[in-house]
Amino acid sequence: MFTLADLIMIPVIVRMEDIGLAYIWNCAPRMADWFARAKARPSFAQAFYPGARVVPSSFSIWASEGLGIGSEISSGVPPIPRSE
């Protein structure tokens, strides 16, 4: 079943993936499976079309334009241990 909670969380998880935090759910196979199913939905491709997602190369551009996002992303996110 696809619920309102899924609709709320998908953009959050997409952004986490965009900024390189997808490894957080490496040790959570059910989370990874849920996200894979969400990405397989036709509506996902419509909502997150090519060019709509944040790419890490954008961070340095934003920082150079004084938007402050690049430094916050690179230094403001506490490290999370990666599971091997």
PDB file of N, CA and C in Angstrom:
ATOM      1  N   MET A   1       0.834  -1.168   0.000  1.00  0.00           N
ATOM      2  CA  MET A   1       0.000   0.000   0.000  1.00  0.00           C
ATOM      3  C   MET A   1       0.892   1.250   0.000  1.00  0.00           C
ATOM      4  N   PHE A   2       0.522   2.207  -0.799  1.00  0.00           N
ATOM      5  CA  PHE A   2       1.232   3.476  -0.900  1.00  0.00           C
ATOM      6  C   PHE A   2       0.425   4.504  -0.121  1.00  0.00           C
ATOM      7  N   THR A   3       1.030   5.166   0.858  1.00  0.00           N
ATOM      8  CA  THR A   3       0.298   6.043   1.762  1.00  0.00           C
ATOM      9  C   THR A   3       0.807   7.485   1.709  1.00  0.00           C
ATOM     10  N   LEU A   4       0.121   8.342   2.430  1.00  0.00           N
ATOM     11  CA  LEU A   4       0.539   9.734   2.555  1.00  0.00           C
ATOM     12  C   LEU A   4       1.929   9.828   3.186  1.00  0.00           C
ATOM     13  N   ALA A   5       2.232   8.937   4.103  1.00  0.00           N
ATOM     14  CA  ALA A   5       3.564   8.923   4.726  1.00  0.00           C
ATOM     15  C   ALA A   5       4.656   8.674   3.676  1.00  0.00           C
ATOM     16  N   ASP A   6       4.377   7.787   2.718  1.00  0.00           N
ATOM     17  CA  ASP A   6       5.338   7.553   1.627  1.00  0.00           C
ATOM     18  C   ASP A   6       5.553   8.835   0.831  1.00  0.00           C
ATOM     19  N   LEU A   7       4.452   9.516   0.501  1.00  0.00           N
ATOM     20  CA  LEU A   7       4.558  10.760  -0.281  1.00  0.00           C
ATOM     21  C   LEU A   7       5.358  11.822   0.450  1.00  0.00           C
ATOM     22  N   ILE A   8       5.235  11.848   1.753  1.00  0.00           N
ATOM     23  CA  ILE A   8       5.966  12.835   2.544  1.00  0.00           C
ATOM     24  C   ILE A   8       7.455  12.492   2.624  1.00  0.00           C
ATOM     25  N   MET A   9       7.766  11.213   2.780  1.00  0.00           N
ATOM     26  CA  MET A   9       9.159  10.816   2.990  1.00  0.00           C
ATOM     27  C   MET A   9       9.984  10.700   1.711  1.00  0.00           C
ATOM     28  N   ILE A  10       9.364  10.403   0.594  1.00  0.00           N
ATOM     29  CA  ILE A  10      10.138  10.203  -0.638  1.00  0.00           C
ATOM     30  C   ILE A  10      11.015  11.411  -0.972  1.00  0.00           C
ATOM     31  N   PRO A  11      10.503  12.642  -0.978  1.00  0.00           N
ATOM     32  CA  PRO A  11      11.390  13.779  -1.288  1.00  0.00           C
ATOM     33  C   PRO A  11      12.550  13.933  -0.303  1.00  0.00           C
ATOM     34  N   VAL A  12      12.317  13.598   0.953  1.00  0.00           N
ATOM     35  CA  VAL A  12      13.381  13.687   1.963  1.00  0.00           C
ATOM     36  C   VAL A  12      14.486  12.680   1.633  1.00  0.00           C
ATOM     37  N   ILE A  13      14.081  11.448   1.341  1.00  0.00           N
ATOM     38  CA  ILE A  13      15.051  10.401   1.046  1.00  0.00           C
ATOM     39  C   ILE A  13      15.763  10.681  -0.275  1.00  0.00           C
ATOM     40  N   VAL A  14      15.037  11.223  -1.250  1.00  0.00           N
ATOM     41  CA  VAL A  14      15.659  11.590  -2.531  1.00  0.00           C
ATOM     42  C   VAL A  14      16.749  12.624  -2.298  1.00  0.00           C
ATOM     43  N   ARG A  15      16.446  13.636  -1.493  1.00  0.00           N
ATOM     44  CA  ARG A  15      17.449  14.683  -1.243  1.00  0.00           C
ATOM     45  C   ARG A  15      18.638  14.109  -0.492  1.00  0.00           C
ATOM     46  N   MET A  16      18.384  13.211   0.447  1.00  0.00           N
ATOM     47  CA  MET A  16      19.497  12.571   1.149  1.00  0.00           C
ATOM     48  C   MET A  16      20.377  11.814   0.162  1.00  0.00           C
ATOM     49  N   GLU A  17      19.756  11.106  -0.775  1.00  0.00           N
ATOM     50  CA  GLU A  17      20.529  10.398  -1.794  1.00  0.00           C
ATOM     51  C   GLU A  17      21.317  11.389  -2.659  1.00  0.00           C
ATOM     52  N   ASP A  18      20.675  12.506  -3.003  1.00  0.00           N
ATOM     53  CA  ASP A  18      21.334  13.521  -3.833  1.00  0.00           C
ATOM     54  C   ASP A  18      22.602  14.072  -3.192  1.00  0.00           C
ATOM     55  N   ILE A  19      22.589  14.232  -1.875  1.00  0.00           N
ATOM     56  CA  ILE A  19      23.755  14.834  -1.213  1.00  0.00           C
ATOM     57  C   ILE A  19      24.712  13.788  -0.656  1.00  0.00           C
ATOM     58  N   GLY A  20      24.543  12.546  -1.086  1.00  0.00           N
ATOM     59  CA  GLY A  20      25.515  11.520  -0.755  1.00  0.00           C
ATOM     60  C   GLY A  20      25.291  10.794   0.557  1.00  0.00           C
ATOM     61  N   LEU A  21      24.072  10.811   1.070  1.00  0.00           N
ATOM     62  CA  LEU A  21      23.810  10.156   2.341  1.00  0.00           C
ATOM     63  C   LEU A  21      23.091   8.819   2.191  1.00  0.00           C
ATOM     64  N   ALA A  22      23.037   8.280   0.993  1.00  0.00           N
ATOM     65  CA  ALA A  22      22.337   7.005   0.764  1.00  0.00           C
ATOM     66  C   ALA A  22      22.955   5.856   1.537  1.00  0.00           C
ATOM     67  N   TYR A  23      24.219   5.960   1.887  1.00  0.00           N
ATOM     68  CA  TYR A  23      24.865   4.883   2.633  1.00  0.00           C
ATOM     69  C   TYR A  23      24.222   4.667   4.003  1.00  0.00           C
ATOM     70  N   ILE A  24      23.477   5.637   4.494  1.00  0.00           N
ATOM     71  CA  ILE A  24      22.847   5.524   5.806  1.00  0.00           C
ATOM     72  C   ILE A  24      21.919   4.315   5.861  1.00  0.00           C
ATOM     73  N   TRP A  25      21.234   4.045   4.774  1.00  0.00           N
ATOM     74  CA  TRP A  25      20.310   2.909   4.794  1.00  0.00           C
ATOM     75  C   TRP A  25      20.905   1.637   4.197  1.00  0.00           C
ATOM     76  N   ASN A  26      22.227   1.578   4.050  1.00  0.00           N
ATOM     77  CA  ASN A  26      22.879   0.336   3.609  1.00  0.00           C
ATOM     78  C   ASN A  26      22.619  -0.809   4.580  1.00  0.00           C
ATOM     79  N   CYS A  27      22.529  -0.503   5.843  1.00  0.00           N
ATOM     80  CA  CYS A  27      22.302  -1.551   6.843  1.00  0.00           C
ATOM     81  C   CYS A  27      20.811  -1.731   7.141  1.00  0.00           C
ATOM     82  N   ALA A  28      19.964  -1.140   6.314  1.00  0.00           N
ATOM     83  CA  ALA A  28      18.509  -1.256   6.487  1.00  0.00           C
ATOM     84  C   ALA A  28      17.895  -1.761   5.178  1.00  0.00           C
ATOM     85  N   PRO A  29      17.949  -3.067   4.940  1.00  0.00           N
ATOM     86  CA  PRO A  29      17.478  -3.601   3.660  1.00  0.00           C
ATOM     87  C   PRO A  29      16.012  -3.310   3.363  1.00  0.00           C
ATOM     88  N   ARG A  30      15.176  -3.243   4.388  1.00  0.00           N
ATOM     89  CA  ARG A  30      13.765  -2.924   4.132  1.00  0.00           C
ATOM     90  C   ARG A  30      13.609  -1.489   3.650  1.00  0.00           C
ATOM     91  N   MET A  31      14.427  -0.599   4.182  1.00  0.00           N
ATOM     92  CA  MET A  31      14.409   0.796   3.727  1.00  0.00           C
ATOM     93  C   MET A  31      14.854   0.881   2.276  1.00  0.00           C
ATOM     94  N   ALA A  32      15.942   0.202   1.952  1.00  0.00           N
ATOM     95  CA  ALA A  32      16.444   0.210   0.578  1.00  0.00           C
ATOM     96  C   ALA A  32      15.422  -0.392  -0.375  1.00  0.00           C
ATOM     97  N   ASP A  33      14.734  -1.450   0.055  1.00  0.00           N
ATOM     98  CA  ASP A  33      13.704  -2.080  -0.767  1.00  0.00           C
ATOM     99  C   ASP A  33      12.521  -1.136  -0.974  1.00  0.00           C
ATOM    100  N   TRP A  34      12.088  -0.458   0.084  1.00  0.00           N
ATOM    101  CA  TRP A  34      11.007   0.519  -0.024  1.00  0.00           C
ATOM    102  C   TRP A  34      11.365   1.624  -1.014  1.00  0.00           C
ATOM    103  N   PHE A  35      12.589   2.135  -0.910  1.00  0.00           N
ATOM    104  CA  PHE A  35      13.011   3.229  -1.780  1.00  0.00           C
ATOM    105  C   PHE A  35      13.110   2.754  -3.236  1.00  0.00           C
ATOM    106  N   ALA A  36      13.583   1.547  -3.450  1.00  0.00           N
ATOM    107  CA  ALA A  36      13.648   0.996  -4.804  1.00  0.00           C
ATOM    108  C   ALA A  36      12.245   0.877  -5.399  1.00  0.00           C
ATOM    109  N   ARG A  37      11.278   0.435  -4.589  1.00  0.00           N
ATOM    110  CA  ARG A  37       9.893   0.345  -5.077  1.00  0.00           C
ATOM    111  C   ARG A  37       9.333   1.724  -5.376  1.00  0.00           C
ATOM    112  N   ALA A  38       9.650   2.697  -4.534  1.00  0.00           N
ATOM    113  CA  ALA A  38       9.171   4.067  -4.769  1.00  0.00           C
ATOM    114  C   ALA A  38       9.747   4.615  -6.071  1.00  0.00           C
ATOM    115  N   LYS A  39      11.042   4.365  -6.306  1.00  0.00           N
ATOM    116  CA  LYS A  39      11.679   4.865  -7.534  1.00  0.00           C
ATOM    117  C   LYS A  39      11.162   4.152  -8.779  1.00  0.00           C
ATOM    118  N   ALA A  40      10.609   2.965  -8.619  1.00  0.00           N
ATOM    119  CA  ALA A  40      10.081   2.218  -9.759  1.00  0.00           C
ATOM    120  C   ALA A  40       8.690   2.698 -10.182  1.00  0.00           C
ATOM    121  N   ARG A  41       8.051   3.504  -9.369  1.00  0.00           N
ATOM    122  CA  ARG A  41       6.709   3.996  -9.705  1.00  0.00           C
ATOM    123  C   ARG A  41       6.793   5.006 -10.855  1.00  0.00           C
ATOM    124  N   PRO A  42       5.832   4.966 -11.797  1.00  0.00           N
ATOM    125  CA  PRO A  42       5.839   5.943 -12.908  1.00  0.00           C
ATOM    126  C   PRO A  42       5.795   7.391 -12.413  1.00  0.00           C
ATOM    127  N   SER A  43       5.110   7.631 -11.307  1.00  0.00           N
ATOM    128  CA  SER A  43       5.015   8.998 -10.790  1.00  0.00           C
ATOM    129  C   SER A  43       6.364   9.527 -10.302  1.00  0.00           C
ATOM    130  N   PHE A  44       7.266   8.627  -9.898  1.00  0.00           N
ATOM    131  CA  PHE A  44       8.588   9.066  -9.453  1.00  0.00           C
ATOM    132  C   PHE A  44       9.330   9.727 -10.605  1.00  0.00           C
ATOM    133  N   ALA A  45       9.285   9.101 -11.770  1.00  0.00           N
ATOM    134  CA  ALA A  45       9.974   9.652 -12.948  1.00  0.00           C
ATOM    135  C   ALA A  45       9.382  10.996 -13.353  1.00  0.00           C
ATOM    136  N   GLN A  46       8.094  11.180 -13.127  1.00  0.00           N
ATOM    137  CA  GLN A  46       7.467  12.465 -13.461  1.00  0.00           C
ATOM    138  C   GLN A  46       7.861  13.551 -12.459  1.00  0.00           C
ATOM    139  N   ALA A  47       7.935  13.189 -11.200  1.00  0.00           N
ATOM    140  CA  ALA A  47       8.262  14.171 -10.163  1.00  0.00           C
ATOM    141  C   ALA A  47       9.745  14.502 -10.119  1.00  0.00           C
ATOM    142  N   PHE A  48      10.590  13.499 -10.343  1.00  0.00           N
ATOM    143  CA  PHE A  48      12.035  13.682 -10.252  1.00  0.00           C
ATOM    144  C   PHE A  48      12.656  13.433 -11.621  1.00  0.00           C
ATOM    145  N   TYR A  49      12.259  14.245 -12.577  1.00  0.00           N
ATOM    146  CA  TYR A  49      12.719  14.133 -13.967  1.00  0.00           C
ATOM    147  C   TYR A  49      14.182  14.557 -14.080  1.00  0.00           C
ATOM    148  N   PRO A  50      14.851  14.173 -15.173  1.00  0.00           N
ATOM    149  CA  PRO A  50      16.262  14.549 -15.347  1.00  0.00           C
ATOM    150  C   PRO A  50      16.448  16.067 -15.241  1.00  0.00           C
ATOM    151  N   GLY A  51      17.378  16.461 -14.415  1.00  0.00           N
ATOM    152  CA  GLY A  51      17.656  17.876 -14.199  1.00  0.00           C
ATOM    153  C   GLY A  51      16.947  18.450 -12.979  1.00  0.00           C
ATOM    154  N   ALA A  52      16.010  17.694 -12.407  1.00  0.00           N
ATOM    155  CA  ALA A  52      15.260  18.185 -11.250  1.00  0.00           C
ATOM    156  C   ALA A  52      15.956  17.896  -9.935  1.00  0.00           C
ATOM    157  N   ARG A  53      16.909  16.986  -9.964  1.00  0.00           N
ATOM    158  CA  ARG A  53      17.568  16.571  -8.728  1.00  0.00           C
ATOM    159  C   ARG A  53      18.833  17.369  -8.493  1.00  0.00           C
ATOM    160  N   VAL A  54      19.192  17.482  -7.223  1.00  0.00           N
ATOM    161  CA  VAL A  54      20.414  18.185  -6.838  1.00  0.00           C
ATOM    162  C   VAL A  54      21.595  17.266  -7.104  1.00  0.00           C
ATOM    163  N   VAL A  55      22.630  17.833  -7.668  1.00  0.00           N
ATOM    164  CA  VAL A  55      23.859  17.073  -7.879  1.00  0.00           C
ATOM    165  C   VAL A  55      24.963  17.721  -7.058  1.00  0.00           C
ATOM    166  N   PRO A  56      25.866  16.923  -6.483  1.00  0.00           N
ATOM    167  CA  PRO A  56      26.908  17.491  -5.612  1.00  0.00           C
ATOM    168  C   PRO A  56      27.738  18.590  -6.267  1.00  0.00           C
ATOM    169  N   SER A  57      27.903  18.567  -7.573  1.00  0.00           N
ATOM    170  CA  SER A  57      28.682  19.622  -8.219  1.00  0.00           C
ATOM    171  C   SER A  57      28.009  20.986  -8.072  1.00  0.00           C
ATOM    172  N   SER A  58      26.715  21.007  -7.776  1.00  0.00           N
ATOM    173  CA  SER A  58      26.000  22.272  -7.577  1.00  0.00           C
ATOM    174  C   SER A  58      26.432  22.977  -6.308  1.00  0.00           C
ATOM    175  N   PHE A  59      26.892  22.231  -5.306  1.00  0.00           N
ATOM    176  CA  PHE A  59      27.209  22.833  -4.026  1.00  0.00           C
ATOM    177  C   PHE A  59      28.285  23.903  -4.151  1.00  0.00           C
ATOM    178  N   SER A  60      29.332  23.620  -4.916  1.00  0.00           N
ATOM    179  CA  SER A  60      30.403  24.602  -5.053  1.00  0.00           C
ATOM    180  C   SER A  60      29.919  25.827  -5.826  1.00  0.00           C
ATOM    181  N   ILE A  61      29.022  25.625  -6.778  1.00  0.00           N
ATOM    182  CA  ILE A  61      28.469  26.757  -7.528  1.00  0.00           C
ATOM    183  C   ILE A  61      27.657  27.638  -6.598  1.00  0.00           C
ATOM    184  N   TRP A  62      26.798  27.014  -5.760  1.00  0.00           N
ATOM    185  CA  TRP A  62      25.985  27.791  -4.835  1.00  0.00           C
ATOM    186  C   TRP A  62      26.864  28.550  -3.860  1.00  0.00           C
ATOM    187  N   ALA A  63      27.896  27.914  -3.376  1.00  0.00           N
ATOM    188  CA  ALA A  63      28.789  28.566  -2.411  1.00  0.00           C
ATOM    189  C   ALA A  63      29.497  29.747  -3.064  1.00  0.00           C
ATOM    190  N   SER A  64      29.934  29.579  -4.309  1.00  0.00           N
ATOM    191  CA  SER A  64      30.639  30.660  -4.985  1.00  0.00           C
ATOM    192  C   SER A  64      29.723  31.842  -5.269  1.00  0.00           C
ATOM    193  N   GLU A  65      28.416  31.588  -5.318  1.00  0.00           N
ATOM    194  CA  GLU A  65      27.460  32.673  -5.533  1.00  0.00           C
ATOM    195  C   GLU A  65      26.970  33.265  -4.211  1.00  0.00           C
ATOM    196  N   GLY A  66      27.582  32.833  -3.119  1.00  0.00           N
ATOM    197  CA  GLY A  66      27.243  33.386  -1.819  1.00  0.00           C
ATOM    198  C   GLY A  66      25.985  32.816  -1.193  1.00  0.00           C
ATOM    199  N   LEU A  67      25.506  31.699  -1.688  1.00  0.00           N
ATOM    200  CA  LEU A  67      24.293  31.128  -1.136  1.00  0.00           C
ATOM    201  C   LEU A  67      24.556  30.293   0.105  1.00  0.00           C
ATOM    202  N   GLY A  68      25.801  29.966   0.380  1.00  0.00           N
ATOM    203  CA  GLY A  68      26.180  29.304   1.611  1.00  0.00           C
ATOM    204  C   GLY A  68      25.825  27.836   1.721  1.00  0.00           C
ATOM    205  N   ILE A  69      25.254  27.282   0.696  1.00  0.00           N
ATOM    206  CA  ILE A  69      24.802  25.899   0.795  1.00  0.00           C
ATOM    207  C   ILE A  69      25.971  24.931   0.737  1.00  0.00           C
ATOM    208  N   GLY A  70      26.942  25.179  -0.103  1.00  0.00           N
ATOM    209  CA  GLY A  70      28.050  24.244  -0.277  1.00  0.00           C
ATOM    210  C   GLY A  70      28.811  23.977   0.999  1.00  0.00           C
ATOM    211  N   SER A  71      29.161  25.027   1.739  1.00  0.00           N
ATOM    212  CA  SER A  71      29.928  24.830   2.960  1.00  0.00           C
ATOM    213  C   SER A  71      29.095  24.153   4.033  1.00  0.00           C
ATOM    214  N   GLU A  72      27.792  24.431   4.071  1.00  0.00           N
ATOM    215  CA  GLU A  72      26.937  23.803   5.072  1.00  0.00           C
ATOM    216  C   GLU A  72      26.810  22.309   4.806  1.00  0.00           C
ATOM    217  N   ILE A  73      26.721  21.959   3.545  1.00  0.00           N
ATOM    218  CA  ILE A  73      26.598  20.539   3.211  1.00  0.00           C
ATOM    219  C   ILE A  73      27.907  19.826   3.502  1.00  0.00           C
ATOM    220  N   SER A  74      29.014  20.426   3.111  1.00  0.00           N
ATOM    221  CA  SER A  74      30.289  19.729   3.260  1.00  0.00           C
ATOM    222  C   SER A  74      30.793  19.703   4.698  1.00  0.00           C
ATOM    223  N   SER A  75      30.466  20.718   5.495  1.00  0.00           N
ATOM    224  CA  SER A  75      31.014  20.725   6.845  1.00  0.00           C
ATOM    225  C   SER A  75      29.949  20.652   7.939  1.00  0.00           C
ATOM    226  N   GLY A  76      28.699  20.892   7.625  1.00  0.00           N
ATOM    227  CA  GLY A  76      27.671  20.948   8.660  1.00  0.00           C
ATOM    228  C   GLY A  76      26.976  19.634   8.918  1.00  0.00           C
ATOM    229  N   VAL A  77      27.224  18.635   8.131  1.00  0.00           N
ATOM    230  CA  VAL A  77      26.560  17.356   8.331  1.00  0.00           C
ATOM    231  C   VAL A  77      27.484  16.460   9.148  1.00  0.00           C
ATOM    232  N   PRO A  78      27.017  16.024  10.305  1.00  0.00           N
ATOM    233  CA  PRO A  78      27.889  15.178  11.123  1.00  0.00           C
ATOM    234  C   PRO A  78      28.142  13.835  10.431  1.00  0.00           C
ATOM    235  N   PRO A  79      29.331  13.301  10.587  1.00  0.00           N
ATOM    236  CA  PRO A  79      29.634  12.018   9.939  1.00  0.00           C
ATOM    237  C   PRO A  79      28.827  10.883  10.572  1.00  0.00           C
ATOM    238  N   ILE A  80      28.415   9.971   9.733  1.00  0.00           N
ATOM    239  CA  ILE A  80      27.702   8.787  10.190  1.00  0.00           C
ATOM    240  C   ILE A  80      28.567   7.589   9.841  1.00  0.00           C
ATOM    241  N   PRO A  81      28.775   6.708  10.787  1.00  0.00           N
ATOM    242  CA  PRO A  81      29.631   5.546  10.498  1.00  0.00           C
ATOM    243  C   PRO A  81      29.056   4.720   9.350  1.00  0.00           C
ATOM    244  N   ARG A  82      29.914   4.331   8.437  1.00  0.00           N
ATOM    245  CA  ARG A  82      29.492   3.511   7.304  1.00  0.00           C
ATOM    246  C   ARG A  82      29.662   2.045   7.671  1.00  0.00           C
ATOM    247  N   SER A  83      28.645   1.266   7.353  1.00  0.00           N
ATOM    248  CA  SER A  83      28.762  -0.167   7.610  1.00  0.00           C
ATOM    249  C   SER A  83      29.436  -0.827   6.422  1.00  0.00           C
ATOM    250  N   GLU A  84      30.327  -1.733   6.673  1.00  0.00           N
ATOM    251  CA  GLU A  84      31.069  -2.412   5.609  1.00  0.00           C
ATOM    252  C   GLU A  84      30.409  -3.704   5.274  1.00  0.00           C
TER     253      GLU A  84
END
